[in-house]
Amino acid sequence: MARKKPPVDNGFQLFDVLYQDGARTSNRKVPTAGIDSYNADHSIRAFIEAQDRKIAELSGNPRGPIKTITPSDA
């Protein structure tokens, strides 16, 4: 009888982000080590906003404010 491999924790959680201007990004990676268990929403938002600032700096196209963040189904 074959054994099933246990699920691998890759150290990331995926989130879908909806911005106030209607733009949407899917499967944004947030490291599980960076998520505070007491204030998870704040730490997830802070990490994604930091990613957005870095992307805007490199591309020259700033993102609008975040409206909602939901866990991705992937």
Protein backbone atom coordinates (compact mmCIF):
# COMPACT_ATOMS: atom_id res chain seq x y z
CA MET A 1 0.00 0.00 0.00
CA ALA A 2 1.43 3.36 -1.03
CA ARG A 3 1.90 6.08 1.54
CA LYS A 4 0.64 9.59 1.03
CA LYS A 5 3.16 12.33 1.41
CA PRO A 6 2.33 14.86 4.12
CA PRO A 7 1.47 18.36 2.88
CA VAL A 8 4.49 20.59 2.51
CA ASP A 9 4.47 23.92 4.31
CA ASN A 10 6.14 26.22 1.83
CA GLY A 11 6.16 29.08 4.33
CA PHE A 12 3.75 31.32 2.42
CA GLN A 13 0.06 32.15 2.43
CA LEU A 14 -1.65 33.50 -0.68
CA PHE A 15 -4.03 36.47 -0.65
CA ASP A 16 -6.21 38.27 -3.19
CA VAL A 17 -6.10 42.07 -2.95
CA LEU A 18 -8.84 44.44 -4.15
CA TYR A 19 -7.90 48.10 -4.48
CA GLN A 20 -10.26 51.07 -4.12
CA ASP A 21 -9.96 51.87 -7.84
CA GLY A 22 -11.33 48.40 -8.71
CA ALA A 23 -7.98 46.80 -9.62
CA ARG A 24 -7.41 43.28 -8.33
CA THR A 25 -4.27 41.22 -7.79
CA SER A 26 -4.38 37.52 -7.03
CA ASN A 27 -2.11 35.11 -5.20
CA ARG A 28 0.03 37.67 -3.39
CA LYS A 29 2.58 35.75 -1.29
CA VAL A 30 2.95 36.64 2.38
CA PRO A 31 5.46 34.66 4.47
CA THR A 32 3.78 32.85 7.34
CA ALA A 33 6.66 33.87 9.61
CA GLY A 34 5.73 37.52 9.03
CA ILE A 35 2.10 37.09 10.12
CA ASP A 36 1.51 38.15 13.70
CA SER A 37 -0.92 35.74 15.37
CA TYR A 38 -2.45 38.49 17.53
CA ASN A 39 -2.94 41.09 14.80
CA ALA A 40 -2.86 39.10 11.57
CA ASP A 41 -4.89 41.55 9.47
CA HIS A 42 -2.55 44.44 10.26
CA SER A 43 0.64 42.48 9.60
CA ILE A 44 -0.68 41.07 6.29
CA ARG A 45 -1.77 44.53 5.13
CA ALA A 46 1.58 46.06 6.15
CA PHE A 47 3.53 43.40 4.23
CA ILE A 48 1.44 43.81 1.06
CA GLU A 49 1.66 47.61 1.25
CA ALA A 50 5.45 47.31 1.52
CA GLN A 51 5.45 45.07 -1.57
CA ASP A 52 3.32 47.65 -3.41
CA ARG A 53 5.72 50.47 -2.48
CA LYS A 54 8.68 48.48 -3.80
CA ILE A 55 6.85 47.60 -7.03
CA ALA A 56 5.81 51.25 -7.48
CA GLU A 57 9.38 52.39 -6.92
CA LEU A 58 10.72 50.02 -9.58
CA SER A 59 7.95 50.49 -12.14
CA GLY A 60 7.01 54.13 -11.55
CA ASN A 61 3.30 53.23 -11.36
CA PRO A 62 1.93 53.67 -7.83
CA ARG A 63 -0.95 51.53 -6.56
CA GLY A 64 -4.05 52.98 -4.99
CA PRO A 65 -5.17 52.29 -1.43
CA ILE A 66 -6.16 48.73 -0.53
CA LYS A 67 -9.89 48.12 -0.08
CA THR A 68 -9.96 44.43 0.97
CA ILE A 69 -7.61 41.50 1.42
CA THR A 70 -8.99 37.96 1.32
CA PRO A 71 -7.27 34.56 1.51
CA SER A 72 -6.78 33.03 -1.92
CA ASP A 73 -8.40 29.70 -2.77
CA ALA A 74 -5.27 28.43 -4.53
